[in-house]
Amino acid sequence: MSLADTVRFPATFTGVRWAGLGRRWVSPILLLVLWEIGARTGLIPSRVLAAPSAVAATFWGMLVSGELPTNLAVSFVRVAIGLLAGVAVGSGLALTAGLSRLGEDAVDPLVQMLRTLPVLALSPLFIVWFGIDETPKLTLIAFAVVFPVYLNLFNGIRAVDPRLIEAARSFGLSGWSLIREVVLPGALPSFLLGLRFALAVAILVLVVAEQINAQAGLGYLINNARDFMRTDIIVVCLIIYALLGLGADSLVRAVERRALAWRPSFLRT
């Protein structure tokens, strides 16, 4: 095989890949076109759903005026604080339950019981306990985040290969050294998977949490838009929520590629 033939294969593969990506964009673009036509012909009233062009114009206007960045920053801070608190609590509980049988007996039954409670139904109780300021919003997000982190990290700790632990002990590792060098790295993939679930849950709960007497944030914008039947603003905020979730997931995937580069499955990609 000549050098020219060798070089031609990647170009062909790239062309096929881009053709496949192009086909995947056909249906979303077609949906936007039909949506725009329906809105302009009156088949879809603006009070039901604004046209894509109106949504784009509203987005640009909110962006230029600073209204969208300001409220987005408020929502970002809320979800970040709630996420960090939930991840810390969930990780602590998972380590307690995963590293000892006594800890499992003390922690796991309570977690399994609490995780069956509907998080959104707790909002009235949290309002009674914490008032209507920021605390119930952050507590709701943190509460929802605890369980995906706990379940995945706990299972990751218990799924570490016992032969690997025995091999480490034969080299003199024990106690905290064994946990730090063997157990935690072995459970890291499960923790990152739980973190991805937690990020999605945090965004979902943020939508509801910001309905609690919010004076700023994306939920505040949605509440005002609902009162004035501004479906264009509602769609803009929903798109921002979706982009937040997509960006958060991409961030964790990037961390996975770096943190798990030692795994054979990552080495082959």
Protein backbone atom coordinates (compact mmCIF):
# COMPACT_ATOMS: atom_id res chain seq x y z
CA MET A 1 0.00 0.00 0.00
CA SER A 2 1.40 3.36 -1.00
CA LEU A 3 1.72 6.35 1.26
CA ALA A 4 -0.99 8.16 -0.71
CA ASP A 5 -3.42 5.30 -0.07
CA THR A 6 -2.56 5.38 3.63
CA VAL A 7 -3.26 9.10 3.87
CA ARG A 8 -6.56 8.80 1.98
CA PHE A 9 -8.32 6.68 4.63
CA PRO A 10 -8.53 9.34 7.38
CA ALA A 11 -9.91 11.85 4.86
CA THR A 12 -12.60 9.37 3.77
CA PHE A 13 -13.45 8.57 7.38
CA THR A 14 -13.69 12.27 8.20
CA GLY A 15 -16.01 12.85 5.26
CA VAL A 16 -18.31 10.03 6.37
CA ARG A 17 -18.29 11.33 9.94
CA TRP A 18 -19.22 14.87 8.90
CA ALA A 19 -21.92 13.50 6.58
CA GLY A 20 -23.37 11.60 9.54
CA LEU A 21 -23.30 14.72 11.71
CA GLY A 22 -25.02 16.66 8.94
CA ARG A 23 -27.84 14.12 8.74
CA ARG A 24 -28.40 14.41 12.49
CA TRP A 25 -29.07 18.13 12.12
CA VAL A 26 -31.77 17.67 9.46
CA SER A 27 -34.66 16.90 11.82
CA PRO A 28 -33.92 19.72 14.35
CA ILE A 29 -33.63 22.27 11.54
CA LEU A 30 -36.82 20.95 9.94
CA LEU A 31 -38.60 21.25 13.28
CA LEU A 32 -37.47 24.89 13.64
CA VAL A 33 -38.65 25.70 10.10
CA LEU A 34 -42.08 24.13 10.70
CA TRP A 35 -42.31 25.92 14.05
CA GLU A 36 -41.51 29.27 12.42
CA ILE A 37 -44.02 28.68 9.62
CA GLY A 38 -46.71 27.66 12.10
CA ALA A 39 -46.12 30.78 14.19
CA ARG A 40 -46.10 33.16 11.21
CA THR A 41 -49.27 31.67 9.69
CA GLY A 42 -51.13 31.77 13.00
CA LEU A 43 -51.38 28.03 13.46
CA ILE A 44 -49.32 28.45 16.65
CA PRO A 45 -50.51 31.58 18.52
CA SER A 46 -47.77 33.59 20.23
CA ARG A 47 -49.52 33.18 23.59
CA VAL A 48 -49.08 29.42 23.16
CA LEU A 49 -45.53 29.38 21.79
CA ALA A 50 -43.48 32.23 20.35
CA ALA A 51 -41.77 31.81 16.99
CA PRO A 52 -38.07 30.87 16.89
CA SER A 53 -37.26 34.26 15.38
CA ALA A 54 -39.07 36.01 18.25
CA VAL A 55 -37.23 33.85 20.77
CA ALA A 56 -33.89 34.71 19.14
CA ALA A 57 -34.72 38.43 19.16
CA THR A 58 -35.77 38.27 22.81
CA PHE A 59 -32.61 36.40 23.72
CA TRP A 60 -30.44 39.03 22.07
CA GLY A 61 -32.33 41.88 23.71
CA MET A 62 -32.04 40.30 27.18
CA LEU A 63 -28.37 39.61 26.58
CA VAL A 64 -27.53 43.15 25.47
CA SER A 65 -29.53 44.75 28.29
CA GLY A 66 -27.72 42.63 30.89
CA GLU A 67 -30.97 41.17 32.23
CA LEU A 68 -30.12 37.62 31.21
CA PRO A 69 -26.47 37.55 32.40
CA THR A 70 -27.41 39.04 35.77
CA ASN A 71 -30.16 36.52 36.48
CA LEU A 72 -28.12 33.66 35.04
CA ALA A 73 -25.30 34.48 37.47
CA VAL A 74 -27.76 34.28 40.39
CA SER A 75 -29.02 30.87 39.25
CA PHE A 76 -25.46 29.64 38.69
CA VAL A 77 -24.44 30.59 42.23
CA ARG A 78 -27.49 28.83 43.66
CA VAL A 79 -26.89 25.59 41.81
CA ALA A 80 -23.15 25.69 42.56
CA ILE A 81 -23.63 26.13 46.32
CA GLY A 82 -26.36 23.48 46.49
CA LEU A 83 -24.31 21.08 44.38
CA LEU A 84 -21.15 21.49 46.46
CA ALA A 85 -23.07 20.97 49.70
CA GLY A 86 -24.88 17.92 48.36
CA VAL A 87 -21.72 16.35 46.93
CA ALA A 88 -19.89 16.89 50.24
CA VAL A 89 -22.67 15.30 52.30
CA GLY A 90 -23.25 12.46 49.83
CA SER A 91 -19.54 11.67 49.62
CA GLY A 92 -19.17 11.69 53.41
CA LEU A 93 -22.11 9.35 53.87
CA ALA A 94 -20.88 7.03 51.10
CA LEU A 95 -17.39 6.82 52.63
CA THR A 96 -18.86 6.13 56.05
CA ALA A 97 -21.14 3.39 54.77
CA GLY A 98 -18.76 1.97 52.18
CA LEU A 99 -15.65 1.62 54.30
CA SER A 100 -17.17 -0.19 57.31
CA ARG A 101 -20.03 -2.54 58.04
CA LEU A 102 -20.93 -0.55 61.14
CA GLY A 103 -21.13 2.62 59.07
CA GLU A 104 -23.32 0.87 56.51
CA ASP A 105 -25.71 -0.34 59.22
CA ALA A 106 -25.94 3.20 60.63
CA VAL A 107 -26.16 5.22 57.41
CA ASP A 108 -27.58 3.12 54.59
CA PRO A 109 -31.07 2.45 56.03
CA LEU A 110 -31.63 6.17 56.61
CA VAL A 111 -30.41 7.12 53.14
CA GLN A 112 -32.52 4.44 51.46
CA MET A 113 -35.56 5.66 53.36
CA LEU A 114 -35.02 9.35 52.64
CA ARG A 115 -34.25 8.91 48.95
CA THR A 116 -37.77 7.61 48.32
CA LEU A 117 -39.25 10.93 49.44
CA PRO A 118 -40.33 13.18 46.55
CA VAL A 119 -37.89 16.07 46.72
CA LEU A 120 -40.27 18.60 45.22
CA ALA A 121 -42.95 17.77 47.78
CA LEU A 122 -40.53 18.81 50.53
CA SER A 123 -40.51 22.45 49.42
CA PRO A 124 -43.49 23.48 51.62
CA LEU A 125 -41.83 21.88 54.65
CA PHE A 126 -38.51 23.57 53.89
CA ILE A 127 -40.30 26.91 53.62
CA VAL A 128 -41.80 26.36 57.08
CA TRP A 129 -38.38 25.44 58.47
CA PHE A 130 -36.11 27.91 56.69
CA GLY A 131 -38.37 30.74 55.52
CA ILE A 132 -38.64 32.03 51.95
CA ASP A 133 -35.15 33.40 51.40
CA GLU A 134 -32.22 31.55 49.84
CA THR A 135 -31.92 28.75 52.41
CA PRO A 136 -34.87 26.57 51.23
CA LYS A 137 -33.72 26.88 47.62
CA LEU A 138 -30.17 25.77 48.41
CA THR A 139 -31.38 23.04 50.77
CA LEU A 140 -33.68 21.55 48.15
CA ILE A 141 -30.85 21.35 45.61
CA ALA A 142 -28.40 19.91 48.14
CA PHE A 143 -30.92 17.34 49.38
CA ALA A 144 -31.61 16.10 45.85
CA VAL A 145 -27.90 15.89 44.98
CA VAL A 146 -26.96 13.74 47.99
CA PHE A 147 -28.55 10.53 46.74
CA PRO A 148 -27.02 10.02 43.26
CA VAL A 149 -23.59 10.81 44.72
CA TYR A 150 -24.09 8.47 47.68
CA LEU A 151 -25.45 5.53 45.69
CA ASN A 152 -22.79 5.60 42.99
CA LEU A 153 -19.83 6.18 45.30
CA PHE A 154 -21.02 3.57 47.78
CA ASN A 155 -21.37 0.98 45.01
CA GLY A 156 -18.00 2.03 43.60
CA ILE A 157 -16.27 1.47 46.94
CA ARG A 158 -17.88 -1.94 47.41
CA ALA A 159 -17.10 -2.93 43.80
CA VAL A 160 -13.32 -2.52 44.15
CA ASP A 161 -11.68 -5.84 43.26
CA PRO A 162 -10.80 -7.73 46.49
CA ARG A 163 -7.77 -9.24 44.76
CA LEU A 164 -6.45 -5.74 44.16
CA ILE A 165 -6.86 -4.96 47.86
CA GLU A 166 -5.06 -8.15 48.83
CA ALA A 167 -2.23 -7.36 46.44
CA ALA A 168 -1.90 -3.89 47.97
CA ARG A 169 -1.80 -5.37 51.47
CA SER A 170 0.96 -7.72 50.40
CA PHE A 171 3.00 -4.62 49.55
CA GLY A 172 2.46 -3.25 53.05
CA LEU A 173 -0.44 -0.90 52.47
CA SER A 174 -3.07 -0.70 55.18
CA GLY A 175 -5.52 1.70 56.80
CA TRP A 176 -5.72 5.15 55.24
CA SER A 177 -2.87 4.40 52.81
CA LEU A 178 -4.86 1.49 51.38
CA ILE A 179 -7.97 3.65 51.07
CA ARG A 180 -6.10 6.53 49.43
CA GLU A 181 -4.01 4.48 47.02
CA VAL A 182 -6.41 1.69 46.07
CA VAL A 183 -10.03 2.08 47.20
CA LEU A 184 -10.64 5.71 46.26
CA PRO A 185 -9.00 5.51 42.80
CA GLY A 186 -10.97 2.33 42.16
CA ALA A 187 -14.23 4.06 43.13
CA LEU A 188 -13.46 7.25 41.16
CA PRO A 189 -15.30 6.18 37.97
CA SER A 190 -18.46 5.51 39.97
CA PHE A 191 -18.12 8.85 41.78
CA LEU A 192 -17.82 10.74 38.49
CA LEU A 193 -20.86 8.91 37.14
CA GLY A 194 -22.77 9.92 40.26
CA LEU A 195 -21.57 13.48 39.78
CA ARG A 196 -23.00 13.55 36.28
CA PHE A 197 -26.38 12.39 37.61
CA ALA A 198 -26.12 14.92 40.44
CA LEU A 199 -25.53 17.80 38.03
CA ALA A 200 -28.63 16.88 36.03
CA VAL A 201 -30.69 16.59 39.22
CA ALA A 202 -29.39 19.93 40.50
CA ILE A 203 -30.51 21.71 37.32
CA LEU A 204 -33.96 20.08 37.49
CA VAL A 205 -34.50 20.99 41.13
CA LEU A 206 -33.21 24.53 40.49
CA VAL A 207 -36.18 25.09 38.18
CA VAL A 208 -38.60 24.36 41.03
CA ALA A 209 -36.51 25.94 43.78
CA GLU A 210 -36.49 29.26 41.97
CA GLN A 211 -40.26 29.35 42.08
CA ILE A 212 -40.03 29.98 45.85
CA ASN A 213 -40.28 33.75 46.22
CA ALA A 214 -37.28 34.36 43.96
CA GLN A 215 -36.31 37.99 43.38
CA ALA A 216 -33.70 37.13 40.76
CA GLY A 217 -32.63 34.16 38.69
CA LEU A 218 -34.01 32.26 35.71
CA GLY A 219 -37.00 31.10 37.73
CA TYR A 220 -37.80 34.72 38.57
CA LEU A 221 -37.77 35.56 34.86
CA ILE A 222 -40.05 32.62 34.10
CA ASN A 223 -42.54 33.64 36.81
CA ASN A 224 -42.75 37.19 35.48
CA ALA A 225 -43.02 35.95 31.90
CA ARG A 226 -45.85 33.60 32.90
CA ASP A 227 -47.80 36.47 34.45
CA PHE A 228 -47.50 38.51 31.23
CA MET A 229 -47.85 35.46 28.91
CA ARG A 230 -44.40 36.08 27.42
CA THR A 231 -43.71 32.65 25.97
CA ASP A 232 -40.62 33.98 24.21
CA ILE A 233 -38.94 34.72 27.56
CA ILE A 234 -40.03 31.36 28.96
CA VAL A 235 -38.48 29.53 25.99
CA VAL A 236 -35.25 31.54 26.34
CA CYS A 237 -34.96 30.55 30.01
CA LEU A 238 -35.73 26.90 29.25
CA ILE A 239 -33.00 26.88 26.61
CA ILE A 240 -30.57 28.37 29.15
CA TYR A 241 -31.51 25.65 31.65
CA ALA A 242 -30.83 23.02 28.98
CA LEU A 243 -27.49 24.59 28.07
CA LEU A 244 -26.50 24.67 31.75
CA GLY A 245 -27.15 20.95 31.99
CA LEU A 246 -25.28 20.21 28.77
CA GLY A 247 -22.32 22.36 29.81
CA ALA A 248 -22.15 20.75 33.26
CA ASP A 249 -22.20 17.27 31.75
CA SER A 250 -19.47 18.20 29.26
CA LEU A 251 -17.35 19.54 32.12
CA VAL A 252 -17.59 16.26 34.05
CA ARG A 253 -16.80 14.28 30.89
CA ALA A 254 -13.68 16.39 30.42
CA VAL A 255 -12.67 15.66 34.02
CA GLU A 256 -13.29 11.96 33.35
CA ARG A 257 -10.96 11.98 30.35
CA ARG A 258 -8.15 13.40 32.47
CA ALA A 259 -8.78 11.64 35.76
CA LEU A 260 -9.42 8.22 34.18
CA ALA A 261 -6.75 8.32 31.50
CA TRP A 262 -5.13 5.29 33.13
CA ARG A 263 -8.13 3.06 32.33
CA PRO A 264 -7.75 0.78 29.26
CA SER A 265 -11.10 1.94 27.85
CA PHE A 266 -9.83 5.55 27.82
CA LEU A 267 -6.44 4.59 26.44
CA ARG A 268 -8.11 3.07 23.38
CA THR A 269 -10.12 6.19 22.54
